[in-house]
Each structure stands twice: as structure tokens, then as C-alpha cells.
Amino acid sequence: MTRERQGELLLLAVALIWAGTYSVDGAMVERAAPFVYLSARFAVAATLFLLIFRHHLRGVTRRAVWHGTWLGFYLYLEFFLQLQGLVYTSPAKMGFITGLFIVITPVLSVLLTGARLTRENLLGIFLAMTGFGLLAYPGDTGEINIGDLLGLGAAMASSLHILYMGVYVRQHDVNQLNTIQIAATAILFTLTAGVTQGLIRLIEPIPMLLAPEARGIPWSAQFPLSVLYTAVLATVLLFSLQARGQRYVSATRTVIIFSLSPVFAAIISYLTLGDWIGWRGYAGGLLTVAGVMVSESRLLTHAASAPEPICSMSPSEEKNA
């Protein structure tokens, strides 16, 4: 099995993990102060990374710290904008808008890194986005509002995170990079939670933007269990798999694989809850799977495509990978 194929399998596992943790995150940000919950989740994850990979931090360079911090900032921005956008728009619209990273990432990849897209990539993106639209596009969208624009910003941040993750994991130790980026995200969310909790005690009436933060922490076992579950599975394991997968898979192919996440979510929902999403939803799922398969094929290009510059590794990097 080639390293590229191994990387694709790791990214498929990431898409599956994402699909299984949507409900946990969704339930918590509706019952607890969202920034408090996220600061706890990333703080626990950062602590675990530091304990498990502390030996990898020896000899860490300033460049690695800088790149890891930027990744952490993009990750923080994605969650921050999505949470704030949900104050003004519906979850259905937010889910669809943030899913536009499927289209945004390849465009940014071409603009920022000079990556080249094959015809199969372009057709795969079109099929995956059409399938995603059938799965997630809400029937009653209403007018565009500020929440929708914040969601678009979250999609952009997600694309930048995926794009630069693919670049930086080829330059630094994967465990160093993950530890730094999760620690940076934890610090940013802890600061945000502290500021917002202070503001809701000073400002009356509480602005709509800060209203979710007034929920505090629910006094039940569900909160710590959810934090531990998402910290271990949806953060430590997920980012470890993603970083290793993106060492050998281009940003374009990564987002096409990630577009399977709502398909996995629909399957999990049906198997566990009997939730039937209708023929439109399942047609969308089939189109998304078709997009992944077409992107992997050479149906339109008989000659082997040149690899994208973002995926190239020097002989020394290949030896050390």
C-alpha cells in the first residue's frame, strides 16, 4: 500500500470521527457556556498532548512554534466565528455555509501555493459539493444575515487550517506541531471565556451576542464526560490522524474526503436513531461518494497527473517520513 493511500485511509477515519462527535459538541454548546466548554475541551486535549508527546518538544524551533500557533489561531477562528454566527442564523444554514470549505480550499490552494488541479479533482469537487448541498441545504433559508457572513468566515478559516496543515506537517515533527496548535487554541479560548464571563457580569441587559455565555456550567456528569470524550477522540486522536494523513495527501483531495463526514453522520444517525433523511439526502450522499471516487480516478486524464507542489517532499524528507 502506498503512503498516499495510507494517508487517505487516515483521513477517512478523521471524517468518520467528526461525524460521530457532532451530536456531543452540539448538545454541549446548547446547555453550557460555549466558550467555557471549548476552553475546557482544548485545555484537556493540550494537557494530554503535553503528557504524551513531551519528549518530542525537545529541540523545538521558533519556526515550529510560529507555524503551530498560526494553525491554532485558524482553528480558534473557525470555532469562534461558527459559534457567534449561530446566534443570528439557523444551525441548518450554518452547517451548509461552513461546508463551503469544500470549494474554498481548492481555490485557496491554487492561489496561495500554486497547486494544480486535475480535471478529476474539479469534477469530484463539483459532485461532492452538489451532494453536500442535497444533504445539508435548508429548505427555508430566509435572507442573508450577519450570522451567514460569520459562517462564511468560519469556512474560510477551516480552509486555511486544512491548507497550511498540509504545508507545515511536511516541515516539522507532527507531534510537535499538534501539541503547539492545540495549546495555542486552548489559550485563546481560555482568554475568550474569561473575557466573556467578565463582560456578562458587568453589562446589563446582556447583549444577544453574549447570552449563550450566561448558561455557565451544567452541574451534571455529562459536562466532564463530554469534555473528556471530545478532548480524547475529537481532538487528540483526530488531529494526530489528520496531521499524519495530510503528509501524503493534497489539500484538494483532503477536503473531498472530508466531504464524506455528513454522509457518515447520516448513516450513524439512521443506525442508532432510525433517523431517515429522505431520498434527497441519500441521493446527496451517493453524489458525495461519487465525487470522492471520481477525484481518485483517471477517467478524464489518461496520462498520470503531475503531483501538486504542496505534496512534494525532498529525498531527505521522504527518508525521514
C-alpha atoms as a PDB file:
ATOM      1  CA  MET A   1       0.000   0.000   0.000  1.00  0.00           C
ATOM      2  CA  THR A   2       1.400   3.398  -0.968  1.00  0.00           C
ATOM      3  CA  ARG A   3       1.872   6.168   1.579  1.00  0.00           C
ATOM      4  CA  GLU A   4      -0.681   8.286  -0.264  1.00  0.00           C
ATOM      5  CA  ARG A   5      -3.270   5.515   0.088  1.00  0.00           C
ATOM      6  CA  GLN A   6      -2.414   5.141   3.789  1.00  0.00           C
ATOM      7  CA  GLY A   7      -2.884   8.885   4.207  1.00  0.00           C
ATOM      8  CA  GLU A   8      -6.294   8.726   2.532  1.00  0.00           C
ATOM      9  CA  LEU A   9      -7.396   5.950   4.882  1.00  0.00           C
ATOM     10  CA  LEU A  10      -6.303   8.026   7.888  1.00  0.00           C
ATOM     11  CA  LEU A  11      -8.312  10.992   6.584  1.00  0.00           C
ATOM     12  CA  LEU A  12     -11.344   8.736   6.087  1.00  0.00           C
ATOM     13  CA  ALA A  13     -11.023   7.825   9.771  1.00  0.00           C
ATOM     14  CA  VAL A  14     -10.946  11.562  10.593  1.00  0.00           C
ATOM     15  CA  ALA A  15     -14.171  12.128   8.621  1.00  0.00           C
ATOM     16  CA  LEU A  16     -15.801   9.237  10.497  1.00  0.00           C
ATOM     17  CA  ILE A  17     -14.710  10.588  13.905  1.00  0.00           C
ATOM     18  CA  TRP A  18     -16.052  14.044  13.022  1.00  0.00           C
ATOM     19  CA  ALA A  19     -19.387  12.523  12.052  1.00  0.00           C
ATOM     20  CA  GLY A  20     -19.645  10.721  15.383  1.00  0.00           C
ATOM     21  CA  THR A  21     -18.868  13.742  17.556  1.00  0.00           C
ATOM     22  CA  TYR A  22     -21.209  16.356  16.023  1.00  0.00           C
ATOM     23  CA  SER A  23     -24.022  15.446  18.419  1.00  0.00           C
ATOM     24  CA  VAL A  24     -21.797  15.664  21.514  1.00  0.00           C
ATOM     25  CA  ASP A  25     -20.479  19.126  20.675  1.00  0.00           C
ATOM     26  CA  GLY A  26     -23.928  20.287  19.585  1.00  0.00           C
ATOM     27  CA  ALA A  27     -25.559  19.182  22.835  1.00  0.00           C
ATOM     28  CA  MET A  28     -22.905  20.831  24.992  1.00  0.00           C
ATOM     29  CA  VAL A  29     -22.875  24.247  23.302  1.00  0.00           C
ATOM     30  CA  GLU A  30     -26.671  24.343  23.768  1.00  0.00           C
ATOM     31  CA  ARG A  31     -26.527  23.527  27.503  1.00  0.00           C
ATOM     32  CA  ALA A  32     -23.260  25.067  28.673  1.00  0.00           C
ATOM     33  CA  ALA A  33     -21.474  28.362  28.035  1.00  0.00           C
ATOM     34  CA  PRO A  34     -19.911  27.589  24.619  1.00  0.00           C
ATOM     35  CA  PHE A  35     -16.560  29.283  25.230  1.00  0.00           C
ATOM     36  CA  VAL A  36     -16.249  27.715  28.680  1.00  0.00           C
ATOM     37  CA  TYR A  37     -16.944  24.288  27.162  1.00  0.00           C
ATOM     38  CA  LEU A  38     -14.441  24.791  24.316  1.00  0.00           C
ATOM     39  CA  SER A  39     -11.762  26.149  26.639  1.00  0.00           C
ATOM     40  CA  ALA A  40     -12.190  23.046  28.834  1.00  0.00           C
ATOM     41  CA  ARG A  41     -12.118  20.698  25.833  1.00  0.00           C
ATOM     42  CA  PHE A  42      -8.947  22.164  24.336  1.00  0.00           C
ATOM     43  CA  ALA A  43      -7.246  22.610  27.717  1.00  0.00           C
ATOM     44  CA  VAL A  44      -7.708  18.900  28.480  1.00  0.00           C
ATOM     45  CA  ALA A  45      -6.546  17.992  24.973  1.00  0.00           C
ATOM     46  CA  ALA A  46      -3.477  20.239  25.267  1.00  0.00           C
ATOM     47  CA  THR A  47      -2.605  18.671  28.623  1.00  0.00           C
ATOM     48  CA  LEU A  48      -2.858  15.197  27.096  1.00  0.00           C
ATOM     49  CA  PHE A  49      -0.670  16.203  24.155  1.00  0.00           C
ATOM     50  CA  LEU A  50       1.943  17.638  26.540  1.00  0.00           C
ATOM     51  CA  LEU A  51       1.954  14.491  28.684  1.00  0.00           C
ATOM     52  CA  ILE A  52       2.065  12.041  25.776  1.00  0.00           C
ATOM     53  CA  PHE A  53       4.444  13.890  23.459  1.00  0.00           C
ATOM     54  CA  ARG A  54       6.573  15.917  25.889  1.00  0.00           C
ATOM     55  CA  HIS A  55       9.768  14.216  24.642  1.00  0.00           C
ATOM     56  CA  HIS A  56       9.014  15.431  21.116  1.00  0.00           C
ATOM     57  CA  LEU A  57       9.176  19.052  22.284  1.00  0.00           C
ATOM     58  CA  ARG A  58      12.915  18.852  22.929  1.00  0.00           C
ATOM     59  CA  GLY A  59      14.737  20.955  20.387  1.00  0.00           C
ATOM     60  CA  VAL A  60      11.567  22.631  19.142  1.00  0.00           C
ATOM     61  CA  THR A  61      12.368  25.588  16.888  1.00  0.00           C
ATOM     62  CA  ARG A  62      10.891  29.072  16.835  1.00  0.00           C
ATOM     63  CA  ARG A  63       9.647  28.353  13.325  1.00  0.00           C
ATOM     64  CA  ALA A  64       7.713  25.306  14.560  1.00  0.00           C
ATOM     65  CA  VAL A  65       6.207  27.368  17.401  1.00  0.00           C
ATOM     66  CA  TRP A  66       5.216  30.098  14.944  1.00  0.00           C
ATOM     67  CA  HIS A  67       3.620  27.699  12.475  1.00  0.00           C
ATOM     68  CA  GLY A  68       1.844  25.736  15.219  1.00  0.00           C
ATOM     69  CA  THR A  69       0.488  28.952  16.727  1.00  0.00           C
ATOM     70  CA  TRP A  70      -0.904  30.049  13.357  1.00  0.00           C
ATOM     71  CA  LEU A  71      -2.642  26.703  12.953  1.00  0.00           C
ATOM     72  CA  GLY A  72      -4.076  27.103  16.447  1.00  0.00           C
ATOM     73  CA  PHE A  73      -5.321  30.583  15.548  1.00  0.00           C
ATOM     74  CA  TYR A  74      -7.093  29.321  12.403  1.00  0.00           C
ATOM     75  CA  LEU A  75      -8.697  26.535  14.429  1.00  0.00           C
ATOM     76  CA  TYR A  76      -9.797  29.000  17.124  1.00  0.00           C
ATOM     77  CA  LEU A  77     -11.184  31.386  14.493  1.00  0.00           C
ATOM     78  CA  GLU A  78     -13.200  28.598  12.865  1.00  0.00           C
ATOM     79  CA  PHE A  79     -14.933  27.648  16.127  1.00  0.00           C
ATOM     80  CA  PHE A  80     -15.301  31.269  17.297  1.00  0.00           C
ATOM     81  CA  LEU A  81     -16.982  32.524  14.111  1.00  0.00           C
ATOM     82  CA  GLN A  82     -19.233  29.485  13.865  1.00  0.00           C
ATOM     83  CA  LEU A  83     -20.456  29.876  17.452  1.00  0.00           C
ATOM     84  CA  GLN A  84     -21.095  33.589  17.059  1.00  0.00           C
ATOM     85  CA  GLY A  85     -22.836  33.036  13.746  1.00  0.00           C
ATOM     86  CA  LEU A  86     -25.251  30.573  15.349  1.00  0.00           C
ATOM     87  CA  VAL A  87     -26.590  33.432  17.477  1.00  0.00           C
ATOM     88  CA  TYR A  88     -28.032  35.018  14.322  1.00  0.00           C
ATOM     89  CA  THR A  89     -28.681  32.160  11.896  1.00  0.00           C
ATOM     90  CA  SER A  90     -30.060  28.635  11.993  1.00  0.00           C
ATOM     91  CA  PRO A  91     -27.919  25.528  12.538  1.00  0.00           C
ATOM     92  CA  ALA A  92     -29.090  24.202   9.163  1.00  0.00           C
ATOM     93  CA  LYS A  93     -27.846  27.271   7.297  1.00  0.00           C
ATOM     94  CA  MET A  94     -24.632  27.353   9.333  1.00  0.00           C
ATOM     95  CA  GLY A  95     -23.926  23.716   8.539  1.00  0.00           C
ATOM     96  CA  PHE A  96     -24.330  24.354   4.835  1.00  0.00           C
ATOM     97  CA  ILE A  97     -22.323  27.596   4.759  1.00  0.00           C
ATOM     98  CA  THR A  98     -19.377  26.242   6.753  1.00  0.00           C
ATOM     99  CA  GLY A  99     -19.403  23.238   4.411  1.00  0.00           C
ATOM    100  CA  LEU A 100     -18.346  25.583   1.615  1.00  0.00           C
ATOM    101  CA  PHE A 101     -14.764  24.831   2.676  1.00  0.00           C
ATOM    102  CA  ILE A 102     -15.095  22.007   0.125  1.00  0.00           C
ATOM    103  CA  VAL A 103     -14.953  24.645  -2.629  1.00  0.00           C
ATOM    104  CA  ILE A 104     -12.890  27.338  -0.888  1.00  0.00           C
ATOM    105  CA  THR A 105      -9.890  25.136  -0.043  1.00  0.00           C
ATOM    106  CA  PRO A 106      -9.000  24.114  -3.624  1.00  0.00           C
ATOM    107  CA  VAL A 107      -9.326  27.739  -4.762  1.00  0.00           C
ATOM    108  CA  LEU A 108      -7.012  28.944  -1.979  1.00  0.00           C
ATOM    109  CA  SER A 109      -4.656  26.061  -2.735  1.00  0.00           C
ATOM    110  CA  VAL A 110      -4.269  27.297  -6.304  1.00  0.00           C
ATOM    111  CA  LEU A 111      -3.935  30.962  -5.289  1.00  0.00           C
ATOM    112  CA  LEU A 112      -1.579  30.550  -2.316  1.00  0.00           C
ATOM    113  CA  THR A 113       0.537  27.521  -3.209  1.00  0.00           C
ATOM    114  CA  GLY A 114       0.317  27.236  -6.974  1.00  0.00           C
ATOM    115  CA  ALA A 115      -1.195  23.750  -6.707  1.00  0.00           C
ATOM    116  CA  ARG A 116      -2.607  22.284  -9.918  1.00  0.00           C
ATOM    117  CA  LEU A 117      -5.996  20.633 -10.048  1.00  0.00           C
ATOM    118  CA  THR A 118      -6.716  17.751 -12.396  1.00  0.00           C
ATOM    119  CA  ARG A 119      -9.973  17.504 -14.298  1.00  0.00           C
ATOM    120  CA  GLU A 120     -10.927  14.663 -11.974  1.00  0.00           C
ATOM    121  CA  ASN A 121     -10.328  16.940  -8.961  1.00  0.00           C
ATOM    122  CA  LEU A 122     -12.626  19.611 -10.419  1.00  0.00           C
ATOM    123  CA  LEU A 123     -15.377  17.124 -11.287  1.00  0.00           C
ATOM    124  CA  GLY A 124     -15.006  15.477  -7.869  1.00  0.00           C
ATOM    125  CA  ILE A 125     -15.348  18.868  -6.133  1.00  0.00           C
ATOM    126  CA  PHE A 126     -18.489  19.635  -8.154  1.00  0.00           C
ATOM    127  CA  LEU A 127     -20.088  16.270  -7.348  1.00  0.00           C
ATOM    128  CA  ALA A 128     -19.109  16.439  -3.657  1.00  0.00           C
ATOM    129  CA  MET A 129     -20.444  19.983  -3.264  1.00  0.00           C
ATOM    130  CA  THR A 130     -23.694  19.084  -5.053  1.00  0.00           C
ATOM    131  CA  GLY A 131     -24.091  16.069  -2.786  1.00  0.00           C
ATOM    132  CA  PHE A 132     -23.330  18.165   0.283  1.00  0.00           C
ATOM    133  CA  GLY A 133     -25.946  20.682  -0.846  1.00  0.00           C
ATOM    134  CA  LEU A 134     -28.618  17.988  -1.129  1.00  0.00           C
ATOM    135  CA  LEU A 135     -27.666  16.682   2.315  1.00  0.00           C
ATOM    136  CA  ALA A 136     -27.386  19.971   4.173  1.00  0.00           C
ATOM    137  CA  TYR A 137     -29.081  22.821   2.300  1.00  0.00           C
ATOM    138  CA  PRO A 138     -32.059  24.006   4.373  1.00  0.00           C
ATOM    139  CA  GLY A 139     -35.403  24.352   2.634  1.00  0.00           C
ATOM    140  CA  ASP A 140     -36.324  27.734   4.112  1.00  0.00           C
ATOM    141  CA  THR A 141     -33.173  29.845   4.010  1.00  0.00           C
ATOM    142  CA  GLY A 142     -34.580  33.314   4.582  1.00  0.00           C
ATOM    143  CA  GLU A 143     -32.482  36.389   3.901  1.00  0.00           C
ATOM    144  CA  ILE A 144     -28.717  36.573   4.254  1.00  0.00           C
ATOM    145  CA  ASN A 145     -27.803  37.921   7.695  1.00  0.00           C
ATOM    146  CA  ILE A 146     -24.679  38.618   9.733  1.00  0.00           C
ATOM    147  CA  GLY A 147     -24.686  35.042  11.038  1.00  0.00           C
ATOM    148  CA  ASP A 148     -24.358  33.739   7.488  1.00  0.00           C
ATOM    149  CA  LEU A 149     -21.371  36.018   6.886  1.00  0.00           C
ATOM    150  CA  LEU A 150     -19.748  34.821  10.106  1.00  0.00           C
ATOM    151  CA  GLY A 151     -20.321  31.255   8.907  1.00  0.00           C
ATOM    152  CA  LEU A 152     -18.574  32.094   5.646  1.00  0.00           C
ATOM    153  CA  GLY A 153     -15.654  33.413   7.693  1.00  0.00           C
ATOM    154  CA  ALA A 154     -15.602  30.105   9.611  1.00  0.00           C
ATOM    155  CA  ALA A 155     -15.464  28.202   6.312  1.00  0.00           C
ATOM    156  CA  MET A 156     -12.536  30.373   5.213  1.00  0.00           C
ATOM    157  CA  ALA A 157     -10.704  29.722   8.498  1.00  0.00           C
ATOM    158  CA  SER A 158     -11.334  25.972   8.111  1.00  0.00           C
ATOM    159  CA  SER A 159      -9.884  26.076   4.598  1.00  0.00           C
ATOM    160  CA  LEU A 160      -6.780  27.950   5.754  1.00  0.00           C
ATOM    161  CA  HIS A 161      -6.288  25.437   8.565  1.00  0.00           C
ATOM    162  CA  ILE A 162      -6.505  22.461   6.197  1.00  0.00           C
ATOM    163  CA  LEU A 163      -4.297  24.135   3.601  1.00  0.00           C
ATOM    164  CA  TYR A 164      -1.485  25.171   5.940  1.00  0.00           C
ATOM    165  CA  MET A 165      -1.694  21.963   7.950  1.00  0.00           C
ATOM    166  CA  GLY A 166      -0.802  20.197   4.715  1.00  0.00           C
ATOM    167  CA  VAL A 167       2.185  22.506   4.261  1.00  0.00           C
ATOM    168  CA  TYR A 168       3.548  22.560   7.821  1.00  0.00           C
ATOM    169  CA  VAL A 169       3.318  18.820   8.556  1.00  0.00           C
ATOM    170  CA  ARG A 170       5.954  18.355   5.849  1.00  0.00           C
ATOM    171  CA  GLN A 171       8.306  20.788   7.580  1.00  0.00           C
ATOM    172  CA  HIS A 172       8.044  19.853  11.276  1.00  0.00           C
ATOM    173  CA  ASP A 173       7.603  16.950  13.646  1.00  0.00           C
ATOM    174  CA  VAL A 174       3.888  16.078  13.585  1.00  0.00           C
ATOM    175  CA  ASN A 175       3.597  15.687  17.359  1.00  0.00           C
ATOM    176  CA  GLN A 176       5.375  18.998  17.990  1.00  0.00           C
ATOM    177  CA  LEU A 177       3.064  20.794  15.598  1.00  0.00           C
ATOM    178  CA  ASN A 178      -0.108  19.259  17.044  1.00  0.00           C
ATOM    179  CA  THR A 179       0.889  19.976  20.649  1.00  0.00           C
ATOM    180  CA  ILE A 180       1.644  23.621  19.846  1.00  0.00           C
ATOM    181  CA  GLN A 181      -1.502  24.241  17.809  1.00  0.00           C
ATOM    182  CA  ILE A 182      -3.852  22.662  20.375  1.00  0.00           C
ATOM    183  CA  ALA A 183      -2.109  24.540  23.225  1.00  0.00           C
ATOM    184  CA  ALA A 184      -2.491  27.813  21.286  1.00  0.00           C
ATOM    185  CA  THR A 185      -6.189  27.109  20.676  1.00  0.00           C
ATOM    186  CA  ALA A 186      -6.698  26.293  24.367  1.00  0.00           C
ATOM    187  CA  ILE A 187      -5.048  29.554  25.453  1.00  0.00           C
ATOM    188  CA  LEU A 188      -7.140  31.622  23.036  1.00  0.00           C
ATOM    189  CA  PHE A 189     -10.413  30.009  24.162  1.00  0.00           C
ATOM    190  CA  THR A 190      -9.477  30.335  27.844  1.00  0.00           C
ATOM    191  CA  LEU A 191      -8.834  34.062  27.346  1.00  0.00           C
ATOM    192  CA  THR A 192     -12.094  34.414  25.401  1.00  0.00           C
ATOM    193  CA  ALA A 193     -14.070  32.567  28.096  1.00  0.00           C
ATOM    194  CA  GLY A 194     -12.529  34.758  30.800  1.00  0.00           C
ATOM    195  CA  VAL A 195     -13.349  37.981  28.952  1.00  0.00           C
ATOM    196  CA  THR A 196     -16.923  36.969  28.095  1.00  0.00           C
ATOM    197  CA  GLN A 197     -17.677  35.746  31.632  1.00  0.00           C
ATOM    198  CA  GLY A 198     -16.393  39.067  32.953  1.00  0.00           C
ATOM    199  CA  LEU A 199     -18.495  41.067  30.494  1.00  0.00           C
ATOM    200  CA  ILE A 200     -21.781  39.315  31.311  1.00  0.00           C
ATOM    201  CA  ARG A 201     -21.266  40.310  34.951  1.00  0.00           C
ATOM    202  CA  LEU A 202     -20.671  43.934  34.055  1.00  0.00           C
ATOM    203  CA  ILE A 203     -23.180  44.553  31.246  1.00  0.00           C
ATOM    204  CA  GLU A 204     -26.941  44.653  31.807  1.00  0.00           C
ATOM    205  CA  PRO A 205     -29.025  43.724  29.970  1.00  0.00           C
ATOM    206  CA  ILE A 206     -26.784  41.031  28.486  1.00  0.00           C
ATOM    207  CA  PRO A 207     -26.336  41.547  24.711  1.00  0.00           C
ATOM    208  CA  MET A 208     -27.694  38.797  22.440  1.00  0.00           C
ATOM    209  CA  LEU A 209     -24.122  38.019  21.338  1.00  0.00           C
ATOM    210  CA  LEU A 210     -23.141  37.126  24.929  1.00  0.00           C
ATOM    211  CA  ALA A 211     -26.408  35.488  26.000  1.00  0.00           C
ATOM    212  CA  PRO A 212     -25.205  31.886  25.426  1.00  0.00           C
ATOM    213  CA  GLU A 213     -22.276  32.507  27.795  1.00  0.00           C
ATOM    214  CA  ALA A 214     -24.683  33.188  30.670  1.00  0.00           C
ATOM    215  CA  ARG A 215     -25.541  29.467  30.820  1.00  0.00           C
ATOM    216  CA  GLY A 216     -22.462  28.709  32.894  1.00  0.00           C
ATOM    217  CA  ILE A 217     -21.515  25.077  33.539  1.00  0.00           C
ATOM    218  CA  PRO A 218     -24.262  22.444  33.988  1.00  0.00           C
ATOM    219  CA  TRP A 219     -23.905  20.573  37.274  1.00  0.00           C
ATOM    220  CA  SER A 220     -24.078  17.051  35.910  1.00  0.00           C
ATOM    221  CA  ALA A 221     -21.699  14.274  34.889  1.00  0.00           C
ATOM    222  CA  GLN A 222     -22.493  14.975  31.232  1.00  0.00           C
ATOM    223  CA  PHE A 223     -20.251  18.053  31.075  1.00  0.00           C
ATOM    224  CA  PRO A 224     -16.954  16.465  32.236  1.00  0.00           C
ATOM    225  CA  LEU A 225     -17.687  13.266  30.302  1.00  0.00           C
ATOM    226  CA  SER A 226     -18.358  15.252  27.119  1.00  0.00           C
ATOM    227  CA  VAL A 227     -15.188  17.291  27.617  1.00  0.00           C
ATOM    228  CA  LEU A 228     -13.122  14.145  28.134  1.00  0.00           C
ATOM    229  CA  TYR A 229     -14.727  12.359  25.170  1.00  0.00           C
ATOM    230  CA  THR A 230     -14.219  15.209  22.701  1.00  0.00           C
ATOM    231  CA  ALA A 231     -10.741  16.021  24.029  1.00  0.00           C
ATOM    232  CA  VAL A 232      -9.508  12.457  23.561  1.00  0.00           C
ATOM    233  CA  LEU A 233     -11.410  11.333  20.471  1.00  0.00           C
ATOM    234  CA  ALA A 234     -12.269  14.504  18.541  1.00  0.00           C
ATOM    235  CA  THR A 235      -9.045  16.385  19.343  1.00  0.00           C
ATOM    236  CA  VAL A 236      -6.036  14.252  20.342  1.00  0.00           C
ATOM    237  CA  LEU A 237      -6.849  11.269  18.121  1.00  0.00           C
ATOM    238  CA  LEU A 238      -8.440  13.270  15.316  1.00  0.00           C
ATOM    239  CA  PHE A 239      -5.618  15.785  14.891  1.00  0.00           C
ATOM    240  CA  SER A 240      -2.975  13.086  15.184  1.00  0.00           C
ATOM    241  CA  LEU A 241      -4.606  11.170  12.328  1.00  0.00           C
ATOM    242  CA  GLN A 242      -5.223  14.305  10.260  1.00  0.00           C
ATOM    243  CA  ALA A 243      -1.634  15.536  10.524  1.00  0.00           C
ATOM    244  CA  ARG A 244      -0.235  12.149   9.522  1.00  0.00           C
ATOM    245  CA  GLY A 245      -2.729  11.770   6.686  1.00  0.00           C
ATOM    246  CA  GLN A 246      -2.026  15.205   5.237  1.00  0.00           C
ATOM    247  CA  ARG A 247       1.702  14.450   4.970  1.00  0.00           C
ATOM    248  CA  TYR A 248       0.919  12.422   1.851  1.00  0.00           C
ATOM    249  CA  VAL A 249      -2.437  13.760   0.610  1.00  0.00           C
ATOM    250  CA  SER A 250      -3.029  17.099  -1.111  1.00  0.00           C
ATOM    251  CA  ALA A 251      -5.302  19.767   0.366  1.00  0.00           C
ATOM    252  CA  THR A 252      -7.741  19.329  -2.531  1.00  0.00           C
ATOM    253  CA  ARG A 253      -8.084  15.589  -2.038  1.00  0.00           C
ATOM    254  CA  THR A 254      -8.295  16.086   1.743  1.00  0.00           C
ATOM    255  CA  VAL A 255     -11.412  18.266   1.556  1.00  0.00           C
ATOM    256  CA  ILE A 256     -13.092  15.894  -0.900  1.00  0.00           C
ATOM    257  CA  ILE A 257     -12.533  13.053   1.586  1.00  0.00           C
ATOM    258  CA  PHE A 258     -13.789  15.266   4.432  1.00  0.00           C
ATOM    259  CA  SER A 259     -16.993  15.875   2.455  1.00  0.00           C
ATOM    260  CA  LEU A 260     -17.916  12.291   3.403  1.00  0.00           C
ATOM    261  CA  SER A 261     -18.408  13.380   7.014  1.00  0.00           C
ATOM    262  CA  PRO A 262     -22.117  14.324   6.626  1.00  0.00           C
ATOM    263  CA  VAL A 263     -22.653  11.040   4.788  1.00  0.00           C
ATOM    264  CA  PHE A 264     -21.163   9.131   7.726  1.00  0.00           C
ATOM    265  CA  ALA A 265     -23.260  11.256  10.106  1.00  0.00           C
ATOM    266  CA  ALA A 266     -26.453  10.324   8.229  1.00  0.00           C
ATOM    267  CA  ILE A 267     -25.560   6.617   8.332  1.00  0.00           C
ATOM    268  CA  ILE A 268     -24.736   6.752  12.055  1.00  0.00           C
ATOM    269  CA  SER A 269     -27.971   8.644  12.757  1.00  0.00           C
ATOM    270  CA  TYR A 270     -30.009   6.030  10.856  1.00  0.00           C
ATOM    271  CA  LEU A 271     -28.319   3.045  12.514  1.00  0.00           C
ATOM    272  CA  THR A 272     -28.519   4.442  16.065  1.00  0.00           C
ATOM    273  CA  LEU A 273     -31.708   6.519  15.987  1.00  0.00           C
ATOM    274  CA  GLY A 274     -33.563   5.256  12.940  1.00  0.00           C
ATOM    275  CA  ASP A 275     -33.421   8.784  11.518  1.00  0.00           C
ATOM    276  CA  TRP A 276     -34.463   8.623   7.840  1.00  0.00           C
ATOM    277  CA  ILE A 277     -33.188  11.655   5.928  1.00  0.00           C
ATOM    278  CA  GLY A 278     -35.262  11.083   2.785  1.00  0.00           C
ATOM    279  CA  TRP A 279     -34.385  10.293  -0.797  1.00  0.00           C
ATOM    280  CA  ARG A 280     -32.909  13.735  -1.368  1.00  0.00           C
ATOM    281  CA  GLY A 281     -30.468  13.206   1.492  1.00  0.00           C
ATOM    282  CA  TYR A 282     -29.408   9.771   0.340  1.00  0.00           C
ATOM    283  CA  ALA A 283     -29.057  10.986  -3.253  1.00  0.00           C
ATOM    284  CA  GLY A 284     -26.757  13.664  -1.865  1.00  0.00           C
ATOM    285  CA  GLY A 285     -24.774  11.010  -0.040  1.00  0.00           C
ATOM    286  CA  LEU A 286     -24.323   8.981  -3.220  1.00  0.00           C
ATOM    287  CA  LEU A 287     -23.181  12.079  -5.140  1.00  0.00           C
ATOM    288  CA  THR A 288     -20.659  12.874  -2.408  1.00  0.00           C
ATOM    289  CA  VAL A 289     -19.249   9.340  -2.526  1.00  0.00           C
ATOM    290  CA  ALA A 290     -19.155   9.583  -6.325  1.00  0.00           C
ATOM    291  CA  GLY A 291     -17.185  12.823  -6.013  1.00  0.00           C
ATOM    292  CA  VAL A 292     -14.553  11.103  -3.875  1.00  0.00           C
ATOM    293  CA  MET A 293     -14.303   8.171  -6.293  1.00  0.00           C
ATOM    294  CA  VAL A 294     -14.074  10.383  -9.388  1.00  0.00           C
ATOM    295  CA  SER A 295     -11.376  12.528  -7.795  1.00  0.00           C
ATOM    296  CA  GLU A 296      -9.322   9.379  -7.215  1.00  0.00           C
ATOM    297  CA  SER A 297      -9.726   8.162 -10.781  1.00  0.00           C
ATOM    298  CA  ARG A 298      -8.126   8.984 -14.123  1.00  0.00           C
ATOM    299  CA  LEU A 299     -11.333   8.978 -16.118  1.00  0.00           C
ATOM    300  CA  LEU A 300     -10.623  12.273 -17.838  1.00  0.00           C
ATOM    301  CA  THR A 301      -6.842  12.325 -17.805  1.00  0.00           C
ATOM    302  CA  HIS A 302      -5.167   9.327 -19.408  1.00  0.00           C
ATOM    303  CA  ALA A 303      -1.641  10.415 -18.602  1.00  0.00           C
ATOM    304  CA  ALA A 304      -0.666  10.440 -14.943  1.00  0.00           C
ATOM    305  CA  SER A 305      -1.058  13.886 -13.472  1.00  0.00           C
ATOM    306  CA  ALA A 306       1.934  15.688 -12.029  1.00  0.00           C
ATOM    307  CA  PRO A 307       1.717  15.808  -8.218  1.00  0.00           C
ATOM    308  CA  GLU A 308       0.622  19.042  -6.651  1.00  0.00           C
ATOM    309  CA  PRO A 309       3.553  21.164  -5.393  1.00  0.00           C
ATOM    310  CA  ILE A 310       2.008  21.147  -1.910  1.00  0.00           C
ATOM    311  CA  CYS A 311       2.505  17.381  -1.718  1.00  0.00           C
ATOM    312  CA  SER A 312       6.108  17.212  -2.836  1.00  0.00           C
ATOM    313  CA  MET A 313       8.809  16.062  -0.417  1.00  0.00           C
ATOM    314  CA  SER A 314      12.541  16.182  -0.757  1.00  0.00           C
ATOM    315  CA  PRO A 315      14.501  12.884  -0.693  1.00  0.00           C
ATOM    316  CA  SER A 316      15.612  13.621   2.870  1.00  0.00           C
ATOM    317  CA  GLU A 317      12.012  14.266   3.999  1.00  0.00           C
ATOM    318  CA  GLU A 318      10.870  11.057   2.287  1.00  0.00           C
ATOM    319  CA  LYS A 319      13.604   9.147   4.097  1.00  0.00           C
ATOM    320  CA  ASN A 320      12.636  10.611   7.487  1.00  0.00           C
ATOM    321  CA  ALA A 321       8.859  10.292   7.000  1.00  0.00           C
END
